[in-house]
PDB file of N, CA and C in Angstrom:
ATOM      1  N   UNK A   1       0.794  -1.003  -0.020  1.00  0.00           N
ATOM      2  CA  UNK A   1       0.047  -0.308  -0.182  1.00  0.00           C
ATOM      3  C   UNK A   1       0.693   1.498  -0.001  1.00  0.00           C
ATOM      4  N   UNK A   2       0.696   1.964  -1.104  1.00  0.00           N
ATOM      5  CA  UNK A   2       1.442   3.301  -1.334  1.00  0.00           C
ATOM      6  C   UNK A   2       1.197   3.982   0.494  1.00  0.00           C
ATOM      7  N   UNK A   3       2.735   5.041   0.333  1.00  0.00           N
ATOM      8  CA  UNK A   3       2.353   5.710   1.780  1.00  0.00           C
ATOM      9  C   UNK A   3       1.807   6.649   1.423  1.00  0.00           C
ATOM     10  N   UNK A   4       0.046   7.385   2.016  1.00  0.00           N
ATOM     11  CA  UNK A   4      -0.403   8.201   1.562  1.00  0.00           C
ATOM     12  C   UNK A   4      -1.706   7.940   0.988  1.00  0.00           C
ATOM     13  N   UNK A   5      -1.784   6.717   1.285  1.00  0.00           N
ATOM     14  CA  UNK A   5      -2.891   5.608   0.783  1.00  0.00           C
ATOM     15  C   UNK A   5      -3.739   6.529   1.792  1.00  0.00           C
ATOM     16  N   UNK A   6      -5.492   6.216   1.113  1.00  0.00           N
ATOM     17  CA  UNK A   6      -6.828   6.911   1.516  1.00  0.00           C
ATOM     18  C   UNK A   6      -6.823   5.604   2.885  1.00  0.00           C
ATOM     19  N   UNK A   7      -5.673   4.678   2.867  1.00  0.00           N
ATOM     20  CA  UNK A   7      -6.292   3.393   3.666  1.00  0.00           C
ATOM     21  C   UNK A   7      -6.092   3.412   5.148  1.00  0.00           C
ATOM     22  N   UNK A   8      -4.592   3.860   4.694  1.00  0.00           N
ATOM     23  CA  UNK A   8      -3.700   4.855   5.921  1.00  0.00           C
ATOM     24  C   UNK A   8      -4.447   5.712   6.779  1.00  0.00           C
ATOM     25  N   UNK A   9      -4.626   6.929   5.749  1.00  0.00           N
ATOM     26  CA  UNK A   9      -5.397   7.535   6.764  1.00  0.00           C
ATOM     27  C   UNK A   9      -7.329   7.527   7.507  1.00  0.00           C
ATOM     28  N   UNK A  10      -7.673   6.665   6.358  1.00  0.00           N
ATOM     29  CA  UNK A  10      -9.372   5.323   7.391  1.00  0.00           C
ATOM     30  C   UNK A  10      -8.459   5.163   8.757  1.00  0.00           C
ATOM     31  N   UNK A  11      -7.395   4.391   8.284  1.00  0.00           N
ATOM     32  CA  UNK A  11      -6.881   3.615  10.079  1.00  0.00           C
ATOM     33  C   UNK A  11      -6.495   4.406  10.870  1.00  0.00           C
ATOM     34  N   UNK A  12      -5.648   5.637  10.603  1.00  0.00           N
ATOM     35  CA  UNK A  12      -5.335   6.195  11.125  1.00  0.00           C
ATOM     36  C   UNK A  12      -6.321   7.069  12.053  1.00  0.00           C
ATOM     37  N   UNK A  13      -7.378   7.655  11.000  1.00  0.00           N
ATOM     38  CA  UNK A  13      -8.705   8.126  11.052  1.00  0.00           C
ATOM     39  C   UNK A  13      -9.404   7.375  12.946  1.00  0.00           C
ATOM     40  N   UNK A  14      -9.734   6.009  13.070  1.00  0.00           N
ATOM     41  CA  UNK A  14      -9.970   4.961  13.050  1.00  0.00           C
ATOM     42  C   UNK A  14      -9.099   5.152  14.877  1.00  0.00           C
ATOM     43  N   UNK A  15      -7.560   4.475  14.845  1.00  0.00           N
ATOM     44  CA  UNK A  15      -7.468   4.739  15.409  1.00  0.00           C
ATOM     45  C   UNK A  15      -7.010   6.426  16.859  1.00  0.00           C
ATOM     46  N   UNK A  16      -7.567   6.640  16.024  1.00  0.00           N
ATOM     47  CA  UNK A  16      -7.708   8.597  16.443  1.00  0.00           C
ATOM     48  C   UNK A  16      -8.900   8.599  17.876  1.00  0.00           C
ATOM     49  N   UNK A  17      -9.850   8.289  16.161  1.00  0.00           N
ATOM     50  CA  UNK A  17     -11.225   7.781  17.569  1.00  0.00           C
ATOM     51  C   UNK A  17     -10.999   7.135  18.325  1.00  0.00           C
ATOM     52  N   UNK A  18     -10.620   5.689  18.466  1.00  0.00           N
ATOM     53  CA  UNK A  18     -10.587   4.852  19.530  1.00  0.00           C
ATOM     54  C   UNK A  18     -10.483   5.817  20.965  1.00  0.00           C
ATOM     55  N   UNK A  19      -8.859   6.190  20.297  1.00  0.00           N
ATOM     56  CA  UNK A  19      -8.395   6.909  21.458  1.00  0.00           C
ATOM     57  C   UNK A  19      -8.938   7.812  21.805  1.00  0.00           C
ATOM     58  N   UNK A  20      -9.517   9.023  21.763  1.00  0.00           N
ATOM     59  CA  UNK A  20     -10.151   9.605  22.131  1.00  0.00           C
ATOM     60  C   UNK A  20     -11.923   9.206  22.609  1.00  0.00           C
ATOM     61  N   UNK A  21     -12.312   8.483  22.358  1.00  0.00           N
ATOM     62  CA  UNK A  21     -13.290   7.578  22.772  1.00  0.00           C
ATOM     63  C   UNK A  21     -12.659   7.149  24.131  1.00  0.00           C
ATOM     64  N   UNK A  22     -12.014   6.592  24.489  1.00  0.00           N
ATOM     65  CA  UNK A  22     -11.409   5.735  25.248  1.00  0.00           C
ATOM     66  C   UNK A  22     -10.951   6.241  26.241  1.00  0.00           C
ATOM     67  N   UNK A  23     -10.520   7.849  26.065  1.00  0.00           N
ATOM     68  CA  UNK A  23      -9.929   8.860  27.017  1.00  0.00           C
ATOM     69  C   UNK A  23     -11.250   9.380  28.056  1.00  0.00           C
ATOM     70  N   UNK A  24     -11.908   9.312  26.996  1.00  0.00           N
ATOM     71  CA  UNK A  24     -13.953  10.406  27.113  1.00  0.00           C
ATOM     72  C   UNK A  24     -14.754   9.196  28.071  1.00  0.00           C
ATOM     73  N   UNK A  25     -14.464   8.307  28.025  1.00  0.00           N
ATOM     74  CA  UNK A  25     -15.219   7.011  29.020  1.00  0.00           C
ATOM     75  C   UNK A  25     -14.086   6.837  29.882  1.00  0.00           C
ATOM     76  N   UNK A  26     -12.724   7.253  30.043  1.00  0.00           N
ATOM     77  CA  UNK A  26     -12.671   7.725  31.584  1.00  0.00           C
ATOM     78  C   UNK A  26     -11.958   8.127  32.281  1.00  0.00           C
ATOM     79  N   UNK A  27     -12.429   9.873  31.315  1.00  0.00           N
ATOM     80  CA  UNK A  27     -12.458  10.883  32.466  1.00  0.00           C
ATOM     81  C   UNK A  27     -13.843  10.360  33.576  1.00  0.00           C
ATOM     82  N   UNK A  28     -13.343  11.434  34.678  1.00  0.00           N
ATOM     83  CA  UNK A  28     -13.957  11.079  35.685  1.00  0.00           C
ATOM     84  C   UNK A  28     -15.132  11.897  35.286  1.00  0.00           C
ATOM     85  N   UNK A  29     -16.609  11.720  36.033  1.00  0.00           N
ATOM     86  CA  UNK A  29     -17.329  12.433  36.485  1.00  0.00           C
ATOM     87  C   UNK A  29     -17.107  13.916  36.855  1.00  0.00           C
ATOM     88  N   UNK A  30     -17.370  15.164  36.588  1.00  0.00           N
ATOM     89  CA  UNK A  30     -17.068  16.536  36.745  1.00  0.00           C
ATOM     90  C   UNK A  30     -18.224  16.732  38.535  1.00  0.00           C
ATOM     91  N   UNK A  31     -17.682  17.594  39.186  1.00  0.00           N
ATOM     92  CA  UNK A  31     -18.664  17.792  40.259  1.00  0.00           C
ATOM     93  C   UNK A  31     -18.918  19.663  40.012  1.00  0.00           C
ATOM     94  N   UNK A  32     -20.229  19.789  40.852  1.00  0.00           N
ATOM     95  CA  UNK A  32     -20.718  21.280  40.748  1.00  0.00           C
ATOM     96  C   UNK A  32     -19.104  22.051  40.807  1.00  0.00           C
ATOM     97  N   UNK A  33     -19.601  22.834  40.256  1.00  0.00           N
ATOM     98  CA  UNK A  33     -18.372  24.352  40.094  1.00  0.00           C
ATOM     99  C   UNK A  33     -18.205  24.568  41.832  1.00  0.00           C
ATOM    100  N   UNK A  34     -19.240  25.118  42.418  1.00  0.00           N
ATOM    101  CA  UNK A  34     -19.596  25.093  43.921  1.00  0.00           C
ATOM    102  C   UNK A  34     -18.287  24.090  45.285  1.00  0.00           C
ATOM    103  N   UNK A  35     -18.487  23.738  44.309  1.00  0.00           N
ATOM    104  CA  UNK A  35     -17.762  22.029  45.741  1.00  0.00           C
ATOM    105  C   UNK A  35     -16.186  22.023  45.398  1.00  0.00           C
ATOM    106  N   UNK A  36     -15.083  21.874  46.355  1.00  0.00           N
ATOM    107  CA  UNK A  36     -14.263  21.478  45.957  1.00  0.00           C
ATOM    108  C   UNK A  36     -13.356  20.221  46.375  1.00  0.00           C
ATOM    109  N   UNK A  37     -12.623  19.782  45.082  1.00  0.00           N
ATOM    110  CA  UNK A  37     -12.191  18.447  46.033  1.00  0.00           C
ATOM    111  C   UNK A  37     -11.197  18.571  46.913  1.00  0.00           C
ATOM    112  N   UNK A  38     -10.716  17.606  48.073  1.00  0.00           N
ATOM    113  CA  UNK A  38      -9.676  17.497  48.450  1.00  0.00           C
ATOM    114  C   UNK A  38      -8.346  17.031  48.168  1.00  0.00           C
ATOM    115  N   UNK A  39      -7.370  17.572  48.263  1.00  0.00           N
ATOM    116  CA  UNK A  39      -5.803  16.917  48.027  1.00  0.00           C
ATOM    117  C   UNK A  39      -5.642  15.336  47.692  1.00  0.00           C
ATOM    118  N   UNK A  40      -5.989  15.178  48.571  1.00  0.00           N
ATOM    119  CA  UNK A  40      -5.826  13.774  48.527  1.00  0.00           C
ATOM    120  C   UNK A  40      -6.764  13.408  47.058  1.00  0.00           C
ATOM    121  N   UNK A  41      -8.137  13.172  46.848  1.00  0.00           N
ATOM    122  CA  UNK A  41      -8.322  12.878  45.512  1.00  0.00           C
ATOM    123  C   UNK A  41      -8.198  13.218  44.129  1.00  0.00           C
ATOM    124  N   UNK A  42      -8.067  14.819  43.921  1.00  0.00           N
ATOM    125  CA  UNK A  42      -7.103  15.606  42.889  1.00  0.00           C
ATOM    126  C   UNK A  42      -5.670  14.607  42.933  1.00  0.00           C
ATOM    127  N   UNK A  43      -5.199  14.267  43.748  1.00  0.00           N
ATOM    128  CA  UNK A  43      -3.935  13.373  43.533  1.00  0.00           C
ATOM    129  C   UNK A  43      -4.211  12.540  42.970  1.00  0.00           C
ATOM    130  N   UNK A  44      -5.145  11.429  43.348  1.00  0.00           N
ATOM    131  CA  UNK A  44      -5.121  10.282  42.571  1.00  0.00           C
ATOM    132  C   UNK A  44      -6.193  10.669  41.969  1.00  0.00           C
ATOM    133  N   UNK A  45      -6.811  11.539  42.044  1.00  0.00           N
ATOM    134  CA  UNK A  45      -7.676  12.482  39.789  1.00  0.00           C
ATOM    135  C   UNK A  45      -6.647  11.191  38.754  1.00  0.00           C
ATOM    136  N   UNK A  46      -5.895  12.795  39.227  1.00  0.00           N
ATOM    137  CA  UNK A  46      -3.817  12.439  38.702  1.00  0.00           C
ATOM    138  C   UNK A  46      -3.744  11.791  38.071  1.00  0.00           C
ATOM    139  N   UNK A  47      -3.273  10.470  39.614  1.00  0.00           N
ATOM    140  CA  UNK A  47      -2.991   8.947  39.145  1.00  0.00           C
ATOM    141  C   UNK A  47      -3.545   8.465  38.468  1.00  0.00           C
ATOM    142  N   UNK A  48      -4.820   8.471  38.558  1.00  0.00           N
ATOM    143  CA  UNK A  48      -5.899   7.482  37.103  1.00  0.00           C
ATOM    144  C   UNK A  48      -5.324   8.058  35.581  1.00  0.00           C
ATOM    145  N   UNK A  49      -5.890   9.441  36.268  1.00  0.00           N
ATOM    146  CA  UNK A  49      -5.351   9.942  34.400  1.00  0.00           C
ATOM    147  C   UNK A  49      -4.316   9.966  33.644  1.00  0.00           C
ATOM    148  N   UNK A  50      -2.560   9.801  34.759  1.00  0.00           N
ATOM    149  CA  UNK A  50      -2.041   9.176  34.086  1.00  0.00           C
ATOM    150  C   UNK A  50      -1.668   7.327  33.828  1.00  0.00           C
ATOM    151  N   UNK A  51      -2.278   7.018  34.865  1.00  0.00           N
ATOM    152  CA  UNK A  51      -2.140   5.491  34.636  1.00  0.00           C
ATOM    153  C   UNK A  51      -3.111   5.018  32.900  1.00  0.00           C
ATOM    154  N   UNK A  52      -3.937   6.296  32.638  1.00  0.00           N
ATOM    155  CA  UNK A  52      -4.882   5.514  31.906  1.00  0.00           C
ATOM    156  C   UNK A  52      -4.145   6.514  30.113  1.00  0.00           C
ATOM    157  N   UNK A  53      -3.484   7.233  30.033  1.00  0.00           N
ATOM    158  CA  UNK A  53      -2.490   7.909  28.809  1.00  0.00           C
ATOM    159  C   UNK A  53      -1.295   7.252  28.894  1.00  0.00           C
ATOM    160  N   UNK A  54      -0.702   6.623  29.624  1.00  0.00           N
ATOM    161  CA  UNK A  54       0.462   5.632  29.783  1.00  0.00           C
ATOM    162  C   UNK A  54      -0.415   4.760  29.137  1.00  0.00           C
ATOM    163  N   UNK A  55      -1.882   4.026  29.285  1.00  0.00           N
ATOM    164  CA  UNK A  55      -1.441   2.306  28.728  1.00  0.00           C
ATOM    165  C   UNK A  55      -2.255   2.727  27.586  1.00  0.00           C
ATOM    166  N   UNK A  56      -2.746   4.452  26.975  1.00  0.00           N
ATOM    167  CA  UNK A  56      -3.163   5.043  26.331  1.00  0.00           C
ATOM    168  C   UNK A  56      -1.726   4.878  25.005  1.00  0.00           C
ATOM    169  N   UNK A  57      -0.679   5.930  25.238  1.00  0.00           N
ATOM    170  CA  UNK A  57       0.792   5.974  24.841  1.00  0.00           C
ATOM    171  C   UNK A  57       1.260   4.178  24.922  1.00  0.00           C
ATOM    172  N   UNK A  58       1.004   2.861  25.361  1.00  0.00           N
ATOM    173  CA  UNK A  58       2.055   1.770  25.210  1.00  0.00           C
ATOM    174  C   UNK A  58       1.092   0.888  24.515  1.00  0.00           C
ATOM    175  N   UNK A  59       0.214   1.785  24.237  1.00  0.00           N
ATOM    176  CA  UNK A  59      -1.102   0.738  22.334  1.00  0.00           C
ATOM    177  C   UNK A  59      -1.109   1.472  21.900  1.00  0.00           C
ATOM    178  N   UNK A  60      -0.647   2.414  21.348  1.00  0.00           N
ATOM    179  CA  UNK A  60       0.045   3.512  20.020  1.00  0.00           C
ATOM    180  C   UNK A  60       1.140   2.863  20.271  1.00  0.00           C
ATOM    181  N   UNK A  61       2.157   2.664  20.908  1.00  0.00           N
ATOM    182  CA  UNK A  61       3.541   2.357  20.695  1.00  0.00           C
ATOM    183  C   UNK A  61       3.417   0.951  19.395  1.00  0.00           C
ATOM    184  N   UNK A  62       2.781   0.022  20.743  1.00  0.00           N
ATOM    185  CA  UNK A  62       2.404  -1.057  19.723  1.00  0.00           C
ATOM    186  C   UNK A  62       1.845  -1.524  18.308  1.00  0.00           C
ATOM    187  N   UNK A  63       0.747   0.017  18.623  1.00  0.00           N
ATOM    188  CA  UNK A  63       0.098  -0.384  17.499  1.00  0.00           C
ATOM    189  C   UNK A  63       1.421   0.295  15.620  1.00  0.00           C
ATOM    190  N   UNK A  64       2.460   1.664  15.884  1.00  0.00           N
ATOM    191  CA  UNK A  64       3.585   1.951  15.291  1.00  0.00           C
ATOM    192  C   UNK A  64       4.436   0.663  15.132  1.00  0.00           C
ATOM    193  N   UNK A  65       4.694   0.152  15.585  1.00  0.00           N
ATOM    194  CA  UNK A  65       5.639  -1.313  15.788  1.00  0.00           C
ATOM    195  C   UNK A  65       5.070  -2.518  15.208  1.00  0.00           C
ATOM    196  N   UNK A  66       3.896  -2.337  15.466  1.00  0.00           N
ATOM    197  CA  UNK A  66       3.064  -3.261  14.291  1.00  0.00           C
ATOM    198  C   UNK A  66       3.154  -3.214  12.985  1.00  0.00           C
ATOM    199  N   UNK A  67       2.474  -1.688  12.437  1.00  0.00           N
ATOM    200  CA  UNK A  67       3.001  -1.399  10.822  1.00  0.00           C
ATOM    201  C   UNK A  67       4.328  -1.176  10.375  1.00  0.00           C
ATOM    202  N   UNK A  68       5.140  -0.572  11.449  1.00  0.00           N
ATOM    203  CA  UNK A  68       6.708  -0.621  10.854  1.00  0.00           C
ATOM    204  C   UNK A  68       6.904  -2.052  10.368  1.00  0.00           C
ATOM    205  N   UNK A  69       6.858  -3.022  11.341  1.00  0.00           N
ATOM    206  CA  UNK A  69       7.315  -4.034  10.983  1.00  0.00           C
ATOM    207  C   UNK A  69       6.247  -4.877   9.444  1.00  0.00           C
ATOM    208  N   UNK A  70       5.430  -4.591   9.015  1.00  0.00           N
ATOM    209  CA  UNK A  70       4.389  -5.387   8.666  1.00  0.00           C
ATOM    210  C   UNK A  70       5.041  -4.101   7.361  1.00  0.00           C
ATOM    211  N   UNK A  71       5.368  -2.914   6.878  1.00  0.00           N
ATOM    212  CA  UNK A  71       6.037  -2.109   5.631  1.00  0.00           C
ATOM    213  C   UNK A  71       7.577  -2.878   6.409  1.00  0.00           C
ATOM    214  N   UNK A  72       8.070  -3.030   6.263  1.00  0.00           N
ATOM    215  CA  UNK A  72       8.991  -3.341   6.354  1.00  0.00           C
ATOM    216  C   UNK A  72       9.254  -5.229   5.885  1.00  0.00           C
ATOM    217  N   UNK A  73       8.717  -5.904   6.166  1.00  0.00           N
ATOM    218  CA  UNK A  73       8.002  -6.917   5.550  1.00  0.00           C
ATOM    219  C   UNK A  73       8.147  -7.284   4.333  1.00  0.00           C
ATOM    220  N   UNK A  74       6.886  -6.099   3.355  1.00  0.00           N
ATOM    221  CA  UNK A  74       6.500  -5.393   2.379  1.00  0.00           C
ATOM    222  C   UNK A  74       7.221  -4.798   1.419  1.00  0.00           C
ATOM    223  N   UNK A  75       8.537  -4.561   2.201  1.00  0.00           N
ATOM    224  CA  UNK A  75       9.578  -3.354   1.191  1.00  0.00           C
ATOM    225  C   UNK A  75      10.913  -4.901   0.761  1.00  0.00           C
ATOM    226  N   UNK A  76      10.972  -5.224   2.111  1.00  0.00           N
ATOM    227  CA  UNK A  76      11.737  -6.706   1.699  1.00  0.00           C
ATOM    228  C   UNK A  76      11.745  -7.477   0.862  1.00  0.00           C
ATOM    229  N   UNK A  77       9.529  -7.559   0.841  1.00  0.00           N
ATOM    230  CA  UNK A  77       9.322  -9.235  -0.787  1.00  0.00           C
ATOM    231  C   UNK A  77       8.982  -7.750  -1.367  1.00  0.00           C
ATOM    232  N   UNK A  78       9.420  -6.723  -1.800  1.00  0.00           N
ATOM    233  CA  UNK A  78       9.408  -6.010  -3.868  1.00  0.00           C
ATOM    234  C   UNK A  78      10.749  -5.781  -3.676  1.00  0.00           C
ATOM    235  N   UNK A  79      11.419  -5.727  -2.842  1.00  0.00           N
ATOM    236  CA  UNK A  79      12.916  -5.507  -2.891  1.00  0.00           C
ATOM    237  C   UNK A  79      13.434  -7.420  -3.419  1.00  0.00           C
ATOM    238  N   UNK A  80      13.106  -8.274  -2.456  1.00  0.00           N
ATOM    239  CA  UNK A  80      12.405  -9.626  -3.078  1.00  0.00           C
ATOM    240  C   UNK A  80      12.461 -10.325  -4.719  1.00  0.00           C
ATOM    241  N   UNK A  81      11.462  -9.031  -4.795  1.00  0.00           N
ATOM    242  CA  UNK A  81      10.918  -9.494  -5.736  1.00  0.00           C
ATOM    243  C   UNK A  81      11.452  -8.671  -8.248  1.00  0.00           C
ATOM    244  N   UNK A  82      11.998  -7.247  -7.324  1.00  0.00           N
ATOM    245  CA  UNK A  82      12.982  -6.965  -8.307  1.00  0.00           C
ATOM    246  C   UNK A  82      14.052  -7.605  -8.368  1.00  0.00           C
ATOM    247  N   UNK A  83      14.639  -8.489  -7.774  1.00  0.00           N
ATOM    248  CA  UNK A  83      16.149  -9.078  -7.701  1.00  0.00           C
ATOM    249  C   UNK A  83      16.502  -9.126  -9.498  1.00  0.00           C
ATOM    250  N   UNK A  84      17.317  -9.235  -9.976  1.00  0.00           N
ATOM    251  CA  UNK A  84      17.608  -9.617 -11.475  1.00  0.00           C
ATOM    252  C   UNK A  84      17.199 -10.561 -11.693  1.00  0.00           C
ATOM    253  N   UNK A  85      17.235 -12.037 -10.970  1.00  0.00           N
ATOM    254  CA  UNK A  85      17.622 -13.664 -11.317  1.00  0.00           C
ATOM    255  C   UNK A  85      16.037 -13.519 -11.194  1.00  0.00           C
ATOM    256  N   UNK A  86      14.982 -13.420  -9.993  1.00  0.00           N
ATOM    257  CA  UNK A  86      13.650 -14.002  -9.649  1.00  0.00           C
ATOM    258  C   UNK A  86      12.421 -12.463 -10.816  1.00  0.00           C
ATOM    259  N   UNK A  87      13.300 -11.648 -11.281  1.00  0.00           N
ATOM    260  CA  UNK A  87      12.457 -11.165 -12.670  1.00  0.00           C
ATOM    261  C   UNK A  87      12.146 -12.055 -13.741  1.00  0.00           C
ATOM    262  N   UNK A  88      13.909 -12.473 -13.989  1.00  0.00           N
ATOM    263  CA  UNK A  88      13.678 -13.013 -14.593  1.00  0.00           C
ATOM    264  C   UNK A  88      13.120 -14.921 -14.877  1.00  0.00           C
ATOM    265  N   UNK A  89      12.753 -15.100 -13.645  1.00  0.00           N
ATOM    266  CA  UNK A  89      12.628 -16.206 -13.447  1.00  0.00           C
ATOM    267  C   UNK A  89      10.587 -16.464 -14.180  1.00  0.00           C
ATOM    268  N   UNK A  90       9.964 -15.164 -13.688  1.00  0.00           N
ATOM    269  CA  UNK A  90       9.023 -15.105 -13.104  1.00  0.00           C
ATOM    270  C   UNK A  90       8.655 -14.449 -14.840  1.00  0.00           C
ATOM    271  N   UNK A  91       9.513 -13.546 -15.331  1.00  0.00           N
ATOM    272  CA  UNK A  91       8.796 -13.401 -17.097  1.00  0.00           C
ATOM    273  C   UNK A  91       8.763 -14.738 -17.654  1.00  0.00           C
ATOM    274  N   UNK A  92      10.084 -15.835 -17.065  1.00  0.00           N
ATOM    275  CA  UNK A  92       9.970 -16.777 -18.356  1.00  0.00           C
ATOM    276  C   UNK A  92       9.092 -17.897 -18.015  1.00  0.00           C
ATOM    277  N   UNK A  93       8.082 -17.805 -16.637  1.00  0.00           N
ATOM    278  CA  UNK A  93       7.338 -18.083 -16.315  1.00  0.00           C
ATOM    279  C   UNK A  93       6.211 -18.180 -17.069  1.00  0.00           C
ATOM    280  N   UNK A  94       6.338 -16.512 -16.910  1.00  0.00           N
ATOM    281  CA  UNK A  94       4.676 -15.541 -17.559  1.00  0.00           C
ATOM    282  C   UNK A  94       4.569 -16.489 -19.386  1.00  0.00           C
ATOM    283  N   UNK A  95       5.642 -16.075 -19.954  1.00  0.00           N
ATOM    284  CA  UNK A  95       5.504 -16.251 -20.878  1.00  0.00           C
ATOM    285  C   UNK A  95       5.672 -17.910 -21.487  1.00  0.00           C
ATOM    286  N   UNK A  96       5.790 -18.429 -20.317  1.00  0.00           N
ATOM    287  CA  UNK A  96       5.442 -20.376 -21.120  1.00  0.00           C
ATOM    288  C   UNK A  96       3.900 -20.806 -21.197  1.00  0.00           C
ATOM    289  N   UNK A  97       3.261 -19.713 -19.558  1.00  0.00           N
ATOM    290  CA  UNK A  97       1.776 -19.700 -19.292  1.00  0.00           C
ATOM    291  C   UNK A  97       1.083 -19.449 -20.355  1.00  0.00           C
ATOM    292  N   UNK A  98       1.698 -17.956 -21.464  1.00  0.00           N
ATOM    293  CA  UNK A  98       1.074 -17.861 -22.073  1.00  0.00           C
ATOM    294  C   UNK A  98       1.362 -17.798 -23.364  1.00  0.00           C
ATOM    295  N   UNK A  99       2.268 -18.514 -23.840  1.00  0.00           N
ATOM    296  CA  UNK A  99       2.898 -18.860 -25.144  1.00  0.00           C
ATOM    297  C   UNK A  99       4.388 -18.123 -26.210  1.00  0.00           C
ATOM    298  N   UNK A 100       4.452 -17.701 -25.197  1.00  0.00           N
ATOM    299  CA  UNK A 100       4.916 -16.678 -25.915  1.00  0.00           C
ATOM    300  C   UNK A 100       6.659 -17.180 -26.156  1.00  0.00           C
TER     301      UNK A 100
END
């Protein structure tokens, strides 16, 4: 799949939307403005938020790694196919199959 292909954009858009949805789902409900939370509650909320963000980043890193690995495999296959010996073998097979 060429770089900048519409499927790449769609995949990234879906990934971003999932990250946003997970973040919104894990966000704590806000309290009415007049009330203040105490110091310990605020620290716990921040720790939970950091844990959530760390999990999202790890998921993103895994996704990027999988995509990079897949693309490296694709490039290796393309390089293998364009080697002179492989190209000659493929052209010979094509000629035999089509009676040329």
